[in-house]
C-alpha atoms as a PDB file:
ATOM      1  CA  MET A   1      80.649 101.567  66.543  1.00  0.00           C
ATOM      2  CA  THR A   2      79.644  97.998  67.113  1.00  0.00           C
ATOM      3  CA  SER A   3      77.246  96.227  64.803  1.00  0.00           C
ATOM      4  CA  GLY A   4      73.811  95.455  66.048  1.00  0.00           C
ATOM      5  CA  LEU A   5      71.244  97.143  68.176  1.00  0.00           C
ATOM      6  CA  LEU A   6      71.753  97.726  71.896  1.00  0.00           C
ATOM      7  CA  ALA A   7      68.481  97.174  73.724  1.00  0.00           C
ATOM      8  CA  VAL A   8      68.638  98.511  77.272  1.00  0.00           C
ATOM      9  CA  ILE A   9      65.897  96.702  79.116  1.00  0.00           C
ATOM     10  CA  ASP A  10      63.816  98.460  81.778  1.00  0.00           C
ATOM     11  CA  MET A  11      66.335 100.719  83.528  1.00  0.00           C
ATOM     12  CA  GLN A  12      63.473 102.265  85.475  1.00  0.00           C
ATOM     13  CA  ARG A  13      62.919 103.690  88.930  1.00  0.00           C
ATOM     14  CA  VAL A  14      60.763 100.723  89.967  1.00  0.00           C
ATOM     15  CA  PHE A  15      63.834  98.466  89.618  1.00  0.00           C
ATOM     16  CA  ALA A  16      66.392 100.962  90.946  1.00  0.00           C
ATOM     17  CA  GLU A  17      64.886 102.376  94.108  1.00  0.00           C
ATOM     18  CA  PRO A  18      65.806 100.253  97.137  1.00  0.00           C
ATOM     19  CA  ASP A  19      62.366 100.543  98.752  1.00  0.00           C
ATOM     20  CA  SER A  20      60.594  99.199  95.646  1.00  0.00           C
ATOM     21  CA  PRO A  21      59.234  95.635  95.887  1.00  0.00           C
ATOM     22  CA  TRP A  22      60.851  95.029  92.495  1.00  0.00           C
ATOM     23  CA  ALA A  23      64.283  96.492  93.297  1.00  0.00           C
ATOM     24  CA  ALA A  24      67.251  94.794  91.633  1.00  0.00           C
ATOM     25  CA  PRO A  25      69.976  94.929  94.319  1.00  0.00           C
ATOM     26  CA  ARG A  26      72.796  95.336  91.770  1.00  0.00           C
ATOM     27  CA  TYR A  27      70.997  97.916  89.629  1.00  0.00           C
ATOM     28  CA  ALA A  28      73.838 100.465  90.038  1.00  0.00           C
ATOM     29  CA  GLU A  29      76.398  97.942  88.774  1.00  0.00           C
ATOM     30  CA  ALA A  30      74.246  97.109  85.756  1.00  0.00           C
ATOM     31  CA  ALA A  31      73.786 100.841  85.089  1.00  0.00           C
ATOM     32  CA  ALA A  32      77.566 101.321  85.086  1.00  0.00           C
ATOM     33  CA  GLY A  33      77.895  98.574  82.465  1.00  0.00           C
ATOM     34  CA  VAL A  34      75.142 100.123  80.350  1.00  0.00           C
ATOM     35  CA  ARG A  35      76.882 103.523  80.461  1.00  0.00           C
ATOM     36  CA  ARG A  36      80.062 101.880  79.145  1.00  0.00           C
ATOM     37  CA  LEU A  37      78.155 100.313  76.231  1.00  0.00           C
ATOM     38  CA  LEU A  38      76.271 103.429  75.117  1.00  0.00           C
ATOM     39  CA  PRO A  39      79.095 105.232  73.254  1.00  0.00           C
ATOM     40  CA  ALA A  40      79.871 102.131  71.178  1.00  0.00           C
ATOM     41  CA  HIS A  41      76.269 101.897  69.967  1.00  0.00           C
ATOM     42  CA  GLY A  42      75.292 105.548  69.590  1.00  0.00           C
ATOM     43  CA  ASP A  43      72.010 105.879  67.726  1.00  0.00           C
ATOM     44  CA  ARG A  44      71.801 102.068  67.456  1.00  0.00           C
ATOM     45  CA  THR A  45      70.400 102.067  70.987  1.00  0.00           C
ATOM     46  CA  VAL A  46      66.851 101.663  72.236  1.00  0.00           C
ATOM     47  CA  PHE A  47      65.626 101.731  75.822  1.00  0.00           C
ATOM     48  CA  THR A  48      62.568  99.772  76.863  1.00  0.00           C
ATOM     49  CA  ARG A  49      60.123 100.310  79.688  1.00  0.00           C
ATOM     50  CA  PHE A  50      57.895  97.786  81.357  1.00  0.00           C
ATOM     51  CA  VAL A  51      54.535  99.458  81.974  1.00  0.00           C
ATOM     52  CA  ALA A  52      51.310  98.110  83.430  1.00  0.00           C
ATOM     53  CA  PRO A  53      48.389  97.541  81.090  1.00  0.00           C
ATOM     54  CA  ALA A  54      45.341  99.765  81.465  1.00  0.00           C
ATOM     55  CA  ARG A  55      43.284  96.672  82.250  1.00  0.00           C
ATOM     56  CA  PRO A  56      45.075  93.388  82.988  1.00  0.00           C
ATOM     57  CA  GLU A  57      43.638  90.372  81.202  1.00  0.00           C
ATOM     58  CA  GLY A  58      44.094  86.644  81.481  1.00  0.00           C
ATOM     59  CA  ALA A  59      46.835  85.502  83.860  1.00  0.00           C
ATOM     60  CA  TRP A  60      47.966  89.129  84.204  1.00  0.00           C
ATOM     61  CA  ARG A  61      44.929  89.718  86.463  1.00  0.00           C
ATOM     62  CA  ALA A  62      46.358  87.384  89.127  1.00  0.00           C
ATOM     63  CA  TYR A  63      49.804  88.918  88.628  1.00  0.00           C
ATOM     64  CA  TYR A  64      48.512  92.427  89.334  1.00  0.00           C
ATOM     65  CA  ASP A  65      46.398  91.162  92.231  1.00  0.00           C
ATOM     66  CA  ARG A  66      49.743  90.235  93.783  1.00  0.00           C
ATOM     67  CA  TRP A  67      51.573  93.405  92.626  1.00  0.00           C
ATOM     68  CA  SER A  68      48.760  95.964  92.793  1.00  0.00           C
ATOM     69  CA  PHE A  69      51.222  98.791  93.589  1.00  0.00           C
ATOM     70  CA  ALA A  70      52.313  98.579  89.942  1.00  0.00           C
ATOM     71  CA  LEU A  71      48.900  99.297  88.436  1.00  0.00           C
ATOM     72  CA  ARG A  72      49.844 102.839  87.498  1.00  0.00           C
ATOM     73  CA  PRO A  73      49.596 104.670  84.174  1.00  0.00           C
ATOM     74  CA  PRO A  74      52.659 104.774  81.868  1.00  0.00           C
ATOM     75  CA  ASP A  75      53.517 108.332  82.972  1.00  0.00           C
ATOM     76  CA  ALA A  76      53.749 107.351  86.668  1.00  0.00           C
ATOM     77  CA  ARG A  77      57.071 108.054  88.361  1.00  0.00           C
ATOM     78  CA  LEU A  78      57.835 104.371  89.007  1.00  0.00           C
ATOM     79  CA  TRP A  79      57.908 103.686  85.236  1.00  0.00           C
ATOM     80  CA  GLU A  80      60.336 106.535  84.424  1.00  0.00           C
ATOM     81  CA  LEU A  81      63.844 105.716  83.273  1.00  0.00           C
ATOM     82  CA  THR A  82      66.270 106.559  86.057  1.00  0.00           C
ATOM     83  CA  ASP A  83      67.867 109.997  85.968  1.00  0.00           C
ATOM     84  CA  ASP A  84      71.152 108.690  84.555  1.00  0.00           C
ATOM     85  CA  PHE A  85      69.365 107.436  81.416  1.00  0.00           C
ATOM     86  CA  GLY A  86      66.394 109.731  80.836  1.00  0.00           C
ATOM     87  CA  ASP A  87      68.370 112.144  78.650  1.00  0.00           C
ATOM     88  CA  LEU A  88      70.456 109.422  76.993  1.00  0.00           C
ATOM     89  CA  ALA A  89      67.615 107.423  75.489  1.00  0.00           C
ATOM     90  CA  PRO A  90      67.378 108.119  71.736  1.00  0.00           C
ATOM     91  CA  ARG A  91      64.309 105.839  71.509  1.00  0.00           C
ATOM     92  CA  VAL A  92      62.047 104.312  74.125  1.00  0.00           C
ATOM     93  CA  LEU A  93      59.713 101.378  73.544  1.00  0.00           C
ATOM     94  CA  ASP A  94      57.018 100.630  76.116  1.00  0.00           C
ATOM     95  CA  ALA A  95      55.502  97.184  76.596  1.00  0.00           C
ATOM     96  CA  PRO A  96      53.127  95.681  79.176  1.00  0.00           C
ATOM     97  CA  THR A  97      54.962  92.366  78.849  1.00  0.00           C
ATOM     98  CA  PHE A  98      58.171  90.944  80.283  1.00  0.00           C
ATOM     99  CA  GLY A  99      59.628  90.199  76.868  1.00  0.00           C
ATOM    100  CA  LYS A 100      60.282  93.266  74.746  1.00  0.00           C
ATOM    101  CA  TRP A 101      60.763  91.381  71.466  1.00  0.00           C
ATOM    102  CA  GLY A 102      58.020  92.327  69.038  1.00  0.00           C
ATOM    103  CA  PRO A 103      57.523  94.100  65.704  1.00  0.00           C
ATOM    104  CA  SER A 104      58.985  97.435  66.878  1.00  0.00           C
ATOM    105  CA  LEU A 105      62.181  95.966  68.310  1.00  0.00           C
ATOM    106  CA  ALA A 106      62.467  93.533  65.402  1.00  0.00           C
ATOM    107  CA  ALA A 107      62.352  96.414  62.904  1.00  0.00           C
ATOM    108  CA  LEU A 108      65.130  98.219  64.763  1.00  0.00           C
ATOM    109  CA  ALA A 109      67.323  95.102  64.982  1.00  0.00           C
ATOM    110  CA  GLN A 110      67.484  94.803  61.209  1.00  0.00           C
ATOM    111  CA  PRO A 111      69.429  94.746  58.943  1.00  0.00           C
ATOM    112  CA  GLU A 112      72.283  93.425  61.115  1.00  0.00           C
ATOM    113  CA  GLY A 113      70.185  90.768  62.793  1.00  0.00           C
ATOM    114  CA  ARG A 114      72.181  91.224  65.987  1.00  0.00           C
ATOM    115  CA  LEU A 115      70.833  92.317  69.345  1.00  0.00           C
ATOM    116  CA  VAL A 116      72.927  93.251  72.372  1.00  0.00           C
ATOM    117  CA  LEU A 117      70.951  93.090  75.614  1.00  0.00           C
ATOM    118  CA  ALA A 118      71.624  94.846  78.909  1.00  0.00           C
ATOM    119  CA  GLY A 119      69.379  95.874  81.785  1.00  0.00           C
ATOM    120  CA  VAL A 120      67.053  94.399  84.359  1.00  0.00           C
ATOM    121  CA  SER A 121      65.911  91.996  85.398  1.00  0.00           C
ATOM    122  CA  THR A 122      68.172  89.290  84.034  1.00  0.00           C
ATOM    123  CA  ASP A 123      65.839  86.567  85.280  1.00  0.00           C
ATOM    124  CA  CYS A 124      62.682  88.114  83.856  1.00  0.00           C
ATOM    125  CA  CYS A 125      62.580  90.755  81.128  1.00  0.00           C
ATOM    126  CA  VAL A 126      66.109  90.200  79.759  1.00  0.00           C
ATOM    127  CA  LEU A 127      65.596  86.431  79.621  1.00  0.00           C
ATOM    128  CA  SER A 128      62.149  86.777  78.014  1.00  0.00           C
ATOM    129  CA  THR A 129      63.475  89.177  75.389  1.00  0.00           C
ATOM    130  CA  ALA A 130      66.566  87.099  74.595  1.00  0.00           C
ATOM    131  CA  LEU A 131      64.704  83.849  73.993  1.00  0.00           C
ATOM    132  CA  ALA A 132      62.001  85.414  71.820  1.00  0.00           C
ATOM    133  CA  ALA A 133      64.597  87.236  69.695  1.00  0.00           C
ATOM    134  CA  ALA A 134      66.628  84.044  69.319  1.00  0.00           C
ATOM    135  CA  ASP A 135      63.503  82.184  68.209  1.00  0.00           C
ATOM    136  CA  ALA A 136      63.093  84.842  65.524  1.00  0.00           C
ATOM    137  CA  GLY A 137      66.601  84.087  64.223  1.00  0.00           C
ATOM    138  CA  ILE A 138      68.338  87.096  65.739  1.00  0.00           C
ATOM    139  CA  GLU A 139      71.853  86.704  67.137  1.00  0.00           C
ATOM    140  CA  VAL A 140      71.583  87.742  70.800  1.00  0.00           C
ATOM    141  CA  LEU A 141      74.503  88.878  72.936  1.00  0.00           C
ATOM    142  CA  VAL A 142      73.798  89.370  76.645  1.00  0.00           C
ATOM    143  CA  ALA A 143      76.201  91.676  78.490  1.00  0.00           C
ATOM    144  CA  ALA A 144      76.241  89.836  81.825  1.00  0.00           C
ATOM    145  CA  ASP A 145      77.916  92.660  83.739  1.00  0.00           C
ATOM    146  CA  ALA A 146      75.431  95.207  82.379  1.00  0.00           C
ATOM    147  CA  CYS A 147      72.491  93.217  83.747  1.00  0.00           C
ATOM    148  CA  ALA A 148      71.085  92.706  87.237  1.00  0.00           C
ATOM    149  CA  GLY A 149      68.652  90.166  88.563  1.00  0.00           C
ATOM    150  CA  ALA A 150      66.196  89.975  91.415  1.00  0.00           C
ATOM    151  CA  ASP A 151      69.151  88.575  93.388  1.00  0.00           C
ATOM    152  CA  ASP A 152      72.609  87.192  92.588  1.00  0.00           C
ATOM    153  CA  ASP A 153      71.476  83.569  92.389  1.00  0.00           C
ATOM    154  CA  SER A 154      68.593  84.334  90.009  1.00  0.00           C
ATOM    155  CA  HIS A 155      70.917  86.472  87.857  1.00  0.00           C
ATOM    156  CA  ALA A 156      73.482  83.651  87.608  1.00  0.00           C
ATOM    157  CA  LYS A 157      70.839  81.023  86.834  1.00  0.00           C
ATOM    158  CA  ALA A 158      69.268  83.157  84.098  1.00  0.00           C
ATOM    159  CA  LEU A 159      72.668  83.759  82.487  1.00  0.00           C
ATOM    160  CA  HIS A 160      73.344  80.016  82.597  1.00  0.00           C
ATOM    161  CA  ILE A 161      69.991  79.226  80.977  1.00  0.00           C
ATOM    162  CA  MET A 162      70.510  81.802  78.220  1.00  0.00           C
ATOM    163  CA  ASP A 163      74.020  80.496  77.517  1.00  0.00           C
ATOM    164  CA  LEU A 164      72.529  77.040  76.917  1.00  0.00           C
ATOM    165  CA  TYR A 165      71.033  78.502  73.720  1.00  0.00           C
ATOM    166  CA  ARG A 166      74.434  79.025  72.051  1.00  0.00           C
ATOM    167  CA  PRO A 167      75.053  79.964  69.311  1.00  0.00           C
ATOM    168  CA  LEU A 168      71.689  81.773  69.153  1.00  0.00           C
ATOM    169  CA  VAL A 169      72.319  83.478  72.501  1.00  0.00           C
ATOM    170  CA  ARG A 170      75.796  84.223  73.805  1.00  0.00           C
ATOM    171  CA  VAL A 171      76.487  85.525  77.290  1.00  0.00           C
ATOM    172  CA  THR A 172      79.446  87.898  77.221  1.00  0.00           C
ATOM    173  CA  THR A 173      80.832  90.930  79.058  1.00  0.00           C
ATOM    174  CA  VAL A 174      80.982  94.644  78.391  1.00  0.00           C
ATOM    175  CA  ALA A 175      84.764  94.425  77.900  1.00  0.00           C
ATOM    176  CA  GLN A 176      84.390  91.638  75.326  1.00  0.00           C
ATOM    177  CA  LEU A 177      81.710  93.571  73.426  1.00  0.00           C
ATOM    178  CA  LEU A 178      83.802  96.741  73.386  1.00  0.00           C
ATOM    179  CA  ALA A 179      86.884  94.795  72.222  1.00  0.00           C
ATOM    180  CA  GLU A 180      84.846  93.281  69.359  1.00  0.00           C
ATOM    181  CA  ALA A 181      83.695  96.771  68.352  1.00  0.00           C
ATOM    182  CA  GLN A 182      87.242  97.975  67.686  1.00  0.00           C
END
């Protein structure tokens, strides 16, 4: 087992299904990387879900004016984890925000103080989670090949930005993480 908590960010239907406005084109590749990481983390894994708020407030109102299809309750099909992860998720944290770092995830990341991130979208929810966790003093490792962005360019740019935060945030690969775990 590797040290630290594996946080699998938003591996949901809304990001996987090709006809979704929020589809991540390389979702299947990210999912394959996530599946490789799961055995090394076992019960030190948490899945997150982005869900719409019951009533958007502040700047979120304009966001959901643009993306009104997403104003669905948390039990809507689009928010479900994809079939390949639904039964593998020991814990699921829901949040109506891009970043998933907060008291619940912080409590799970202790005592190691290390967070491994994988999931979608690299350029949104993964990035937002990584930077907030790093600000809280958590060592963040981003498994680049277990993440997918809105497109390849956005994915690459987000990885580059996160890697600028070294040593707080380190962009790595699934193979490197698994080698470190041995």
